[in-house]
Amino acid sequence: MASSPQSYQKRQRELRKKERKAEKQAIRHGRSAEKKEAGEDDGPDEDALLEEFRVLNEQFAEGGIEEKLFEFRKAEIFHQMGLGDKPEPLEDEEAPAEAGA
């Protein structure tokens, strides 16, 4: 028995919805669908950035870093992941890397 035209059209609509959803998700993650399909992913390692963010949160919770530095580093990490704008440089940027040590 042959498929009805309505079934074919429904499958096509569902396929287009899935493609649009995948494209939106790729954009949210800072990649274009073309790069993803081509296997080109020269962006930062998301797992490494998430681990860096976890460590940053732990340091902040323990009182190891100031809130201003925490917010700056958090914004940097989110920007690298494609989830926000690049943060403004810290005004008293004496050595943010040493502040965590």
PDB file of N, CA and C in Angstrom:
ATOM      1  N   MET A   1       0.834  -1.178   0.000  1.00  0.00           N
ATOM      2  CA  MET A   1       0.000   0.000   0.000  1.00  0.00           C
ATOM      3  C   MET A   1       0.888   1.254   0.000  1.00  0.00           C
ATOM      4  N   ALA A   2       0.599   2.201  -0.846  1.00  0.00           N
ATOM      5  CA  ALA A   2       1.395   3.416  -0.989  1.00  0.00           C
ATOM      6  C   ALA A   2       1.066   4.410   0.120  1.00  0.00           C
ATOM      7  N   SER A   3       2.050   5.227   0.472  1.00  0.00           N
ATOM      8  CA  SER A   3       1.839   6.258   1.481  1.00  0.00           C
ATOM      9  C   SER A   3       0.989   7.373   0.904  1.00  0.00           C
ATOM     10  N   SER A   4       0.183   7.940   1.750  1.00  0.00           N
ATOM     11  CA  SER A   4      -0.644   9.048   1.283  1.00  0.00           C
ATOM     12  C   SER A   4       0.189  10.319   1.210  1.00  0.00           C
ATOM     13  N   PRO A   5      -0.230  11.255   0.370  1.00  0.00           N
ATOM     14  CA  PRO A   5       0.511  12.515   0.250  1.00  0.00           C
ATOM     15  C   PRO A   5       0.558  13.272   1.590  1.00  0.00           C
ATOM     16  N   GLN A   6      -0.473  13.118   2.397  1.00  0.00           N
ATOM     17  CA  GLN A   6      -0.500  13.807   3.684  1.00  0.00           C
ATOM     18  C   GLN A   6       0.605  13.264   4.601  1.00  0.00           C
ATOM     19  N   SER A   7       0.815  11.957   4.574  1.00  0.00           N
ATOM     20  CA  SER A   7       1.856  11.363   5.410  1.00  0.00           C
ATOM     21  C   SER A   7       3.237  11.852   4.971  1.00  0.00           C
ATOM     22  N   TYR A   8       3.452  11.909   3.675  1.00  0.00           N
ATOM     23  CA  TYR A   8       4.729  12.382   3.148  1.00  0.00           C
ATOM     24  C   TYR A   8       4.953  13.837   3.558  1.00  0.00           C
ATOM     25  N   GLN A   9       3.916  14.657   3.405  1.00  0.00           N
ATOM     26  CA  GLN A   9       4.035  16.071   3.758  1.00  0.00           C
ATOM     27  C   GLN A   9       4.293  16.244   5.249  1.00  0.00           C
ATOM     28  N   LYS A  10       3.657  15.431   6.058  1.00  0.00           N
ATOM     29  CA  LYS A  10       3.863  15.517   7.499  1.00  0.00           C
ATOM     30  C   LYS A  10       5.310  15.158   7.851  1.00  0.00           C
ATOM     31  N   ARG A  11       5.840  14.103   7.222  1.00  0.00           N
ATOM     32  CA  ARG A  11       7.224  13.716   7.480  1.00  0.00           C
ATOM     33  C   ARG A  11       8.175  14.827   7.052  1.00  0.00           C
ATOM     34  N   GLN A  12       7.891  15.474   5.934  1.00  0.00           N
ATOM     35  CA  GLN A  12       8.734  16.569   5.457  1.00  0.00           C
ATOM     36  C   GLN A  12       8.711  17.747   6.441  1.00  0.00           C
ATOM     37  N   ARG A  13       7.526  18.079   6.965  1.00  0.00           N
ATOM     38  CA  ARG A  13       7.414  19.165   7.944  1.00  0.00           C
ATOM     39  C   ARG A  13       8.201  18.838   9.206  1.00  0.00           C
ATOM     40  N   GLU A  14       8.072  17.599   9.658  1.00  0.00           N
ATOM     41  CA  GLU A  14       8.794  17.188  10.863  1.00  0.00           C
ATOM     42  C   GLU A  14      10.304  17.229  10.637  1.00  0.00           C
ATOM     43  N   LEU A  15      10.746  16.828   9.469  1.00  0.00           N
ATOM     44  CA  LEU A  15      12.160  16.869   9.139  1.00  0.00           C
ATOM     45  C   LEU A  15      12.673  18.304   9.125  1.00  0.00           C
ATOM     46  N   ARG A  16      11.900  19.220   8.521  1.00  0.00           N
ATOM     47  CA  ARG A  16      12.295  20.631   8.509  1.00  0.00           C
ATOM     48  C   ARG A  16      12.355  21.194   9.923  1.00  0.00           C
ATOM     49  N   LYS A  17      11.420  20.805  10.802  1.00  0.00           N
ATOM     50  CA  LYS A  17      11.425  21.264  12.192  1.00  0.00           C
ATOM     51  C   LYS A  17      12.698  20.793  12.895  1.00  0.00           C
ATOM     52  N   LYS A  18      13.068  19.539  12.665  1.00  0.00           N
ATOM     53  CA  LYS A  18      14.278  19.005  13.293  1.00  0.00           C
ATOM     54  C   LYS A  18      15.517  19.738  12.794  1.00  0.00           C
ATOM     55  N   GLU A  19      15.556  20.046  11.509  1.00  0.00           N
ATOM     56  CA  GLU A  19      16.696  20.765  10.942  1.00  0.00           C
ATOM     57  C   GLU A  19      16.807  22.167  11.528  1.00  0.00           C
ATOM     58  N   ARG A  20      15.669  22.863  11.664  1.00  0.00           N
ATOM     59  CA  ARG A  20      15.678  24.203  12.251  1.00  0.00           C
ATOM     60  C   ARG A  20      16.115  24.144  13.707  1.00  0.00           C
ATOM     61  N   LYS A  21      15.634  23.139  14.430  1.00  0.00           N
ATOM     62  CA  LYS A  21      16.004  22.989  15.831  1.00  0.00           C
ATOM     63  C   LYS A  21      17.511  22.750  15.959  1.00  0.00           C
ATOM     64  N   ALA A  22      18.060  21.902  15.109  1.00  0.00           N
ATOM     65  CA  ALA A  22      19.492  21.623  15.140  1.00  0.00           C
ATOM     66  C   ALA A  22      20.294  22.884  14.823  1.00  0.00           C
ATOM     67  N   GLU A  23      19.819  23.683  13.863  1.00  0.00           N
ATOM     68  CA  GLU A  23      20.500  24.925  13.498  1.00  0.00           C
ATOM     69  C   GLU A  23      20.486  25.905  14.670  1.00  0.00           C
ATOM     70  N   LYS A  24      19.358  26.060  15.340  1.00  0.00           N
ATOM     71  CA  LYS A  24      19.267  26.961  16.484  1.00  0.00           C
ATOM     72  C   LYS A  24      20.187  26.504  17.608  1.00  0.00           C
ATOM     73  N   GLN A  25      20.228  25.206  17.839  1.00  0.00           N
ATOM     74  CA  GLN A  25      21.087  24.675  18.881  1.00  0.00           C
ATOM     75  C   GLN A  25      22.560  24.920  18.538  1.00  0.00           C
ATOM     76  N   ALA A  26      22.910  24.746  17.274  1.00  0.00           N
ATOM     77  CA  ALA A  26      24.286  24.988  16.849  1.00  0.00           C
ATOM     78  C   ALA A  26      24.656  26.459  17.039  1.00  0.00           C
ATOM     79  N   ILE A  27      23.730  27.346  16.739  1.00  0.00           N
ATOM     80  CA  ILE A  27      23.986  28.778  16.918  1.00  0.00           C
ATOM     81  C   ILE A  27      24.169  29.093  18.394  1.00  0.00           C
ATOM     82  N   ARG A  28      23.339  28.492  19.258  1.00  0.00           N
ATOM     83  CA  ARG A  28      23.463  28.719  20.690  1.00  0.00           C
ATOM     84  C   ARG A  28      24.814  28.270  21.216  1.00  0.00           C
ATOM     85  N   HIS A  29      25.367  27.249  20.627  1.00  0.00           N
ATOM     86  CA  HIS A  29      26.650  26.725  21.085  1.00  0.00           C
ATOM     87  C   HIS A  29      27.822  27.371  20.352  1.00  0.00           C
ATOM     88  N   GLY A  30      27.546  28.423  19.591  1.00  0.00           N
ATOM     89  CA  GLY A  30      28.605  29.185  18.954  1.00  0.00           C
ATOM     90  C   GLY A  30      29.169  28.552  17.703  1.00  0.00           C
ATOM     91  N   ARG A  31      28.442  27.673  17.107  1.00  0.00           N
ATOM     92  CA  ARG A  31      28.918  27.024  15.875  1.00  0.00           C
ATOM     93  C   ARG A  31      27.848  27.189  14.812  1.00  0.00           C
ATOM     94  N   SER A  32      28.266  27.181  13.584  1.00  0.00           N
ATOM     95  CA  SER A  32      27.292  27.166  12.509  1.00  0.00           C
ATOM     96  C   SER A  32      27.071  25.722  12.097  1.00  0.00           C
ATOM     97  N   ALA A  33      25.939  25.444  11.528  1.00  0.00           N
ATOM     98  CA  ALA A  33      25.629  24.076  11.115  1.00  0.00           C
ATOM     99  C   ALA A  33      26.611  23.605  10.050  1.00  0.00           C
ATOM    100  N   GLU A  34      27.095  24.541   9.225  1.00  0.00           N
ATOM    101  CA  GLU A  34      28.024  24.146   8.181  1.00  0.00           C
ATOM    102  C   GLU A  34      29.327  23.613   8.779  1.00  0.00           C
ATOM    103  N   LYS A  35      29.836  24.283   9.789  1.00  0.00           N
ATOM    104  CA  LYS A  35      31.067  23.830  10.434  1.00  0.00           C
ATOM    105  C   LYS A  35      30.850  22.459  11.069  1.00  0.00           C
ATOM    106  N   LYS A  36      29.702  22.310  11.686  1.00  0.00           N
ATOM    107  CA  LYS A  36      29.406  21.061  12.374  1.00  0.00           C
ATOM    108  C   LYS A  36      29.344  19.902  11.381  1.00  0.00           C
ATOM    109  N   GLU A  37      28.695  20.126  10.250  1.00  0.00           N
ATOM    110  CA  GLU A  37      28.571  19.082   9.235  1.00  0.00           C
ATOM    111  C   GLU A  37      29.927  18.767   8.611  1.00  0.00           C
ATOM    112  N   ALA A  38      30.751  19.783   8.431  1.00  0.00           N
ATOM    113  CA  ALA A  38      32.052  19.581   7.812  1.00  0.00           C
ATOM    114  C   ALA A  38      33.062  18.985   8.787  1.00  0.00           C
ATOM    115  N   GLY A  39      32.679  18.916  10.060  1.00  0.00           N
ATOM    116  CA  GLY A  39      33.580  18.357  11.054  1.00  0.00           C
ATOM    117  C   GLY A  39      34.614  19.346  11.537  1.00  0.00           C
ATOM    118  N   GLU A  40      34.438  20.627  11.202  1.00  0.00           N
ATOM    119  CA  GLU A  40      35.368  21.659  11.637  1.00  0.00           C
ATOM    120  C   GLU A  40      34.871  22.235  12.945  1.00  0.00           C
ATOM    121  N   ASP A  41      35.611  22.017  13.993  1.00  0.00           N
ATOM    122  CA  ASP A  41      35.246  22.583  15.282  1.00  0.00           C
ATOM    123  C   ASP A  41      36.502  23.144  15.919  1.00  0.00           C
ATOM    124  N   ASP A  42      36.853  24.356  15.494  1.00  0.00           N
ATOM    125  CA  ASP A  42      38.069  24.963  15.991  1.00  0.00           C
ATOM    126  C   ASP A  42      37.825  25.835  17.208  1.00  0.00           C
ATOM    127  N   GLY A  43      36.633  25.768  17.779  1.00  0.00           N
ATOM    128  CA  GLY A  43      36.300  26.546  18.955  1.00  0.00           C
ATOM    129  C   GLY A  43      36.914  25.946  20.206  1.00  0.00           C
ATOM    130  N   PRO A  44      36.721  26.618  21.343  1.00  0.00           N
ATOM    131  CA  PRO A  44      37.276  26.123  22.592  1.00  0.00           C
ATOM    132  C   PRO A  44      36.592  24.827  23.024  1.00  0.00           C
ATOM    133  N   ASP A  45      37.303  24.055  23.800  1.00  0.00           N
ATOM    134  CA  ASP A  45      36.771  22.792  24.295  1.00  0.00           C
ATOM    135  C   ASP A  45      35.729  23.094  25.368  1.00  0.00           C
ATOM    136  N   GLU A  46      34.478  22.771  25.095  1.00  0.00           N
ATOM    137  CA  GLU A  46      33.388  23.090  26.009  1.00  0.00           C
ATOM    138  C   GLU A  46      33.551  22.398  27.352  1.00  0.00           C
ATOM    139  N   ASP A  47      34.012  21.157  27.356  1.00  0.00           N
ATOM    140  CA  ASP A  47      34.213  20.437  28.612  1.00  0.00           C
ATOM    141  C   ASP A  47      35.257  21.126  29.482  1.00  0.00           C
ATOM    142  N   ALA A  48      36.336  21.595  28.849  1.00  0.00           N
ATOM    143  CA  ALA A  48      37.388  22.281  29.601  1.00  0.00           C
ATOM    144  C   ALA A  48      36.860  23.595  30.182  1.00  0.00           C
ATOM    145  N   LEU A  49      36.040  24.301  29.411  1.00  0.00           N
ATOM    146  CA  LEU A  49      35.474  25.558  29.901  1.00  0.00           C
ATOM    147  C   LEU A  49      34.508  25.307  31.058  1.00  0.00           C
ATOM    148  N   LEU A  50      33.710  24.245  30.956  1.00  0.00           N
ATOM    149  CA  LEU A  50      32.793  23.920  32.049  1.00  0.00           C
ATOM    150  C   LEU A  50      33.563  23.540  33.308  1.00  0.00           C
ATOM    151  N   GLU A  51      34.658  22.818  33.144  1.00  0.00           N
ATOM    152  CA  GLU A  51      35.493  22.454  34.294  1.00  0.00           C
ATOM    153  C   GLU A  51      36.106  23.710  34.910  1.00  0.00           C
ATOM    154  N   GLU A  52      36.565  24.626  34.074  1.00  0.00           N
ATOM    155  CA  GLU A  52      37.129  25.879  34.564  1.00  0.00           C
ATOM    156  C   GLU A  52      36.074  26.669  35.340  1.00  0.00           C
ATOM    157  N   PHE A  53      34.853  26.662  34.830  1.00  0.00           N
ATOM    158  CA  PHE A  53      33.768  27.364  35.512  1.00  0.00           C
ATOM    159  C   PHE A  53      33.442  26.703  36.851  1.00  0.00           C
ATOM    160  N   ARG A  54      33.495  25.376  36.903  1.00  0.00           N
ATOM    161  CA  ARG A  54      33.230  24.656  38.154  1.00  0.00           C
ATOM    162  C   ARG A  54      34.276  25.029  39.200  1.00  0.00           C
ATOM    163  N   VAL A  55      35.544  25.038  38.799  1.00  0.00           N
ATOM    164  CA  VAL A  55      36.621  25.395  39.720  1.00  0.00           C
ATOM    165  C   VAL A  55      36.461  26.841  40.185  1.00  0.00           C
ATOM    166  N   LEU A  56      36.114  27.720  39.270  1.00  0.00           N
ATOM    167  CA  LEU A  56      35.898  29.127  39.604  1.00  0.00           C
ATOM    168  C   LEU A  56      34.792  29.270  40.644  1.00  0.00           C
ATOM    169  N   ASN A  57      33.696  28.540  40.462  1.00  0.00           N
ATOM    170  CA  ASN A  57      32.601  28.577  41.426  1.00  0.00           C
ATOM    171  C   ASN A  57      33.043  28.084  42.799  1.00  0.00           C
ATOM    172  N   GLU A  58      33.827  27.026  42.818  1.00  0.00           N
ATOM    173  CA  GLU A  58      34.318  26.500  44.094  1.00  0.00           C
ATOM    174  C   GLU A  58      35.203  27.522  44.797  1.00  0.00           C
ATOM    175  N   GLN A  59      36.096  28.160  44.039  1.00  0.00           N
ATOM    176  CA  GLN A  59      36.975  29.175  44.632  1.00  0.00           C
ATOM    177  C   GLN A  59      36.166  30.325  45.208  1.00  0.00           C
ATOM    178  N   PHE A  60      35.138  30.753  44.486  1.00  0.00           N
ATOM    179  CA  PHE A  60      34.311  31.858  44.945  1.00  0.00           C
ATOM    180  C   PHE A  60      33.525  31.462  46.188  1.00  0.00           C
ATOM    181  N   ALA A  61      32.978  30.246  46.201  1.00  0.00           N
ATOM    182  CA  ALA A  61      32.207  29.772  47.351  1.00  0.00           C
ATOM    183  C   ALA A  61      33.076  29.665  48.604  1.00  0.00           C
ATOM    184  N   GLU A  62      34.347  29.318  48.424  1.00  0.00           N
ATOM    185  CA  GLU A  62      35.269  29.198  49.555  1.00  0.00           C
ATOM    186  C   GLU A  62      35.841  30.551  49.973  1.00  0.00           C
ATOM    187  N   GLY A  63      35.545  31.592  49.217  1.00  0.00           N
ATOM    188  CA  GLY A  63      36.062  32.916  49.539  1.00  0.00           C
ATOM    189  C   GLY A  63      37.466  33.147  49.007  1.00  0.00           C
ATOM    190  N   GLY A  64      37.904  32.335  48.075  1.00  0.00           N
ATOM    191  CA  GLY A  64      39.254  32.442  47.536  1.00  0.00           C
ATOM    192  C   GLY A  64      39.442  33.582  46.555  1.00  0.00           C
ATOM    193  N   ILE A  65      38.353  34.063  45.940  1.00  0.00           N
ATOM    194  CA  ILE A  65      38.450  35.183  44.999  1.00  0.00           C
ATOM    195  C   ILE A  65      37.332  36.174  45.274  1.00  0.00           C
ATOM    196  N   GLU A  66      37.570  37.412  44.890  1.00  0.00           N
ATOM    197  CA  GLU A  66      36.577  38.470  45.088  1.00  0.00           C
ATOM    198  C   GLU A  66      35.452  38.341  44.073  1.00  0.00           C
ATOM    199  N   GLU A  67      34.317  38.925  44.414  1.00  0.00           N
ATOM    200  CA  GLU A  67      33.140  38.843  43.543  1.00  0.00           C
ATOM    201  C   GLU A  67      33.394  39.500  42.193  1.00  0.00           C
ATOM    202  N   LYS A  68      34.112  40.618  42.191  1.00  0.00           N
ATOM    203  CA  LYS A  68      34.374  41.335  40.947  1.00  0.00           C
ATOM    204  C   LYS A  68      35.173  40.463  39.971  1.00  0.00           C
ATOM    205  N   LEU A  69      36.209  39.790  40.476  1.00  0.00           N
ATOM    206  CA  LEU A  69      37.022  38.911  39.645  1.00  0.00           C
ATOM    207  C   LEU A  69      36.197  37.688  39.209  1.00  0.00           C
ATOM    208  N   PHE A  70      35.389  37.175  40.124  1.00  0.00           N
ATOM    209  CA  PHE A  70      34.532  36.036  39.796  1.00  0.00           C
ATOM    210  C   PHE A  70      33.606  36.375  38.636  1.00  0.00           C
ATOM    211  N   GLU A  71      32.930  37.507  38.714  1.00  0.00           N
ATOM    212  CA  GLU A  71      32.000  37.912  37.655  1.00  0.00           C
ATOM    213  C   GLU A  71      32.726  38.125  36.328  1.00  0.00           C
ATOM    214  N   PHE A  72      33.930  38.698  36.386  1.00  0.00           N
ATOM    215  CA  PHE A  72      34.707  38.918  35.169  1.00  0.00           C
ATOM    216  C   PHE A  72      35.087  37.591  34.517  1.00  0.00           C
ATOM    217  N   ARG A  73      35.647  36.668  35.304  1.00  0.00           N
ATOM    218  CA  ARG A  73      36.058  35.365  34.763  1.00  0.00           C
ATOM    219  C   ARG A  73      34.851  34.575  34.253  1.00  0.00           C
ATOM    220  N   LYS A  74      33.732  34.658  34.965  1.00  0.00           N
ATOM    221  CA  LYS A  74      32.513  33.967  34.541  1.00  0.00           C
ATOM    222  C   LYS A  74      32.065  34.500  33.186  1.00  0.00           C
ATOM    223  N   ALA A  75      32.074  35.810  33.019  1.00  0.00           N
ATOM    224  CA  ALA A  75      31.682  36.420  31.746  1.00  0.00           C
ATOM    225  C   ALA A  75      32.637  36.009  30.632  1.00  0.00           C
ATOM    226  N   GLU A  76      33.947  35.914  30.947  1.00  0.00           N
ATOM    227  CA  GLU A  76      34.924  35.468  29.947  1.00  0.00           C
ATOM    228  C   GLU A  76      34.624  34.042  29.486  1.00  0.00           C
ATOM    229  N   ILE A  77      34.366  33.168  30.448  1.00  0.00           N
ATOM    230  CA  ILE A  77      34.091  31.764  30.118  1.00  0.00           C
ATOM    231  C   ILE A  77      32.823  31.663  29.280  1.00  0.00           C
ATOM    232  N   PHE A  78      31.784  32.370  29.683  1.00  0.00           N
ATOM    233  CA  PHE A  78      30.535  32.332  28.926  1.00  0.00           C
ATOM    234  C   PHE A  78      30.741  32.864  27.515  1.00  0.00           C
ATOM    235  N   HIS A  79      31.558  33.912  27.381  1.00  0.00           N
ATOM    236  CA  HIS A  79      31.837  34.464  26.047  1.00  0.00           C
ATOM    237  C   HIS A  79      32.551  33.433  25.180  1.00  0.00           C
ATOM    238  N   GLN A  80      33.514  32.731  25.761  1.00  0.00           N
ATOM    239  CA  GLN A  80      34.247  31.710  25.014  1.00  0.00           C
ATOM    240  C   GLN A  80      33.330  30.575  24.576  1.00  0.00           C
ATOM    241  N   MET A  81      32.279  30.335  25.342  1.00  0.00           N
ATOM    242  CA  MET A  81      31.321  29.285  24.993  1.00  0.00           C
ATOM    243  C   MET A  81      30.271  29.790  24.013  1.00  0.00           C
ATOM    244  N   GLY A  82      30.295  31.101  23.728  1.00  0.00           N
ATOM    245  CA  GLY A  82      29.325  31.675  22.803  1.00  0.00           C
ATOM    246  C   GLY A  82      28.005  32.005  23.465  1.00  0.00           C
ATOM    247  N   LEU A  83      28.024  32.211  24.780  1.00  0.00           N
ATOM    248  CA  LEU A  83      26.787  32.448  25.518  1.00  0.00           C
ATOM    249  C   LEU A  83      26.647  33.875  26.023  1.00  0.00           C
ATOM    250  N   GLY A  84      27.503  34.765  25.599  1.00  0.00           N
ATOM    251  CA  GLY A  84      27.388  36.138  26.060  1.00  0.00           C
ATOM    252  C   GLY A  84      28.396  37.034  25.384  1.00  0.00           C
ATOM    253  N   ASP A  85      28.297  38.315  25.735  1.00  0.00           N
ATOM    254  CA  ASP A  85      29.209  39.305  25.177  1.00  0.00           C
ATOM    255  C   ASP A  85      30.542  39.259  25.903  1.00  0.00           C
ATOM    256  N   LYS A  86      31.573  39.763  25.229  1.00  0.00           N
ATOM    257  CA  LYS A  86      32.900  39.834  25.835  1.00  0.00           C
ATOM    258  C   LYS A  86      32.847  40.857  26.967  1.00  0.00           C
ATOM    259  N   PRO A  87      33.383  40.496  28.147  1.00  0.00           N
ATOM    260  CA  PRO A  87      33.311  41.432  29.278  1.00  0.00           C
ATOM    261  C   PRO A  87      34.270  42.598  29.110  1.00  0.00           C
ATOM    262  N   GLU A  88      33.916  43.694  29.755  1.00  0.00           N
ATOM    263  CA  GLU A  88      34.805  44.851  29.774  1.00  0.00           C
ATOM    264  C   GLU A  88      36.019  44.499  30.624  1.00  0.00           C
ATOM    265  N   PRO A  89      37.197  44.991  30.260  1.00  0.00           N
ATOM    266  CA  PRO A  89      38.390  44.696  31.069  1.00  0.00           C
ATOM    267  C   PRO A  89      38.238  45.249  32.485  1.00  0.00           C
ATOM    268  N   LEU A  90      38.854  44.563  33.432  1.00  0.00           N
ATOM    269  CA  LEU A  90      38.823  45.037  34.813  1.00  0.00           C
ATOM    270  C   LEU A  90      39.604  46.342  34.913  1.00  0.00           C
ATOM    271  N   GLU A  91      39.111  47.267  35.727  1.00  0.00           N
ATOM    272  CA  GLU A  91      39.776  48.565  35.867  1.00  0.00           C
ATOM    273  C   GLU A  91      41.135  48.417  36.545  1.00  0.00           C
ATOM    274  N   ASP A  92      41.163  47.663  37.631  1.00  0.00           N
ATOM    275  CA  ASP A  92      42.418  47.477  38.362  1.00  0.00           C
ATOM    276  C   ASP A  92      43.003  46.107  38.032  1.00  0.00           C
ATOM    277  N   GLU A  93      43.303  45.937  36.750  1.00  0.00           N
ATOM    278  CA  GLU A  93      43.781  44.655  36.253  1.00  0.00           C
ATOM    279  C   GLU A  93      45.279  44.517  36.548  1.00  0.00           C
ATOM    280  N   GLU A  94      45.603  44.323  37.843  1.00  0.00           N
ATOM    281  CA  GLU A  94      46.990  44.224  38.264  1.00  0.00           C
ATOM    282  C   GLU A  94      47.567  42.873  37.891  1.00  0.00           C
ATOM    283  N   ALA A  95      46.847  41.827  38.119  1.00  0.00           N
ATOM    284  CA  ALA A  95      47.254  40.478  37.743  1.00  0.00           C
ATOM    285  C   ALA A  95      46.142  39.528  38.160  1.00  0.00           C
ATOM    286  N   PRO A  96      45.061  39.423  37.347  1.00  0.00           N
ATOM    287  CA  PRO A  96      43.932  38.584  37.742  1.00  0.00           C
ATOM    288  C   PRO A  96      44.329  37.124  37.938  1.00  0.00           C
ATOM    289  N   ALA A  97      45.345  36.651  37.237  1.00  0.00           N
ATOM    290  CA  ALA A  97      45.749  35.257  37.390  1.00  0.00           C
ATOM    291  C   ALA A  97      46.356  35.031  38.778  1.00  0.00           C
ATOM    292  N   GLU A  98      47.039  36.054  39.316  1.00  0.00           N
ATOM    293  CA  GLU A  98      47.661  35.908  40.619  1.00  0.00           C
ATOM    294  C   GLU A  98      46.651  36.043  41.749  1.00  0.00           C
ATOM    295  N   ALA A  99      45.530  36.683  41.497  1.00  0.00           N
ATOM    296  CA  ALA A  99      44.520  36.879  42.534  1.00  0.00           C
ATOM    297  C   ALA A  99      43.929  35.553  42.981  1.00  0.00           C
ATOM    298  N   GLY A 100      43.874  34.554  42.096  1.00  0.00           N
ATOM    299  CA  GLY A 100      43.322  33.255  42.447  1.00  0.00           C
ATOM    300  C   GLY A 100      44.333  32.385  43.157  1.00  0.00           C
ATOM    301  N   ALA A 101      45.593  32.730  43.145  1.00  0.00           N
ATOM    302  CA  ALA A 101      46.633  31.885  43.742  1.00  0.00           C
ATOM    303  C   ALA A 101      46.851  32.178  45.200  1.00  0.00           C
TER     304      ALA A 101
END
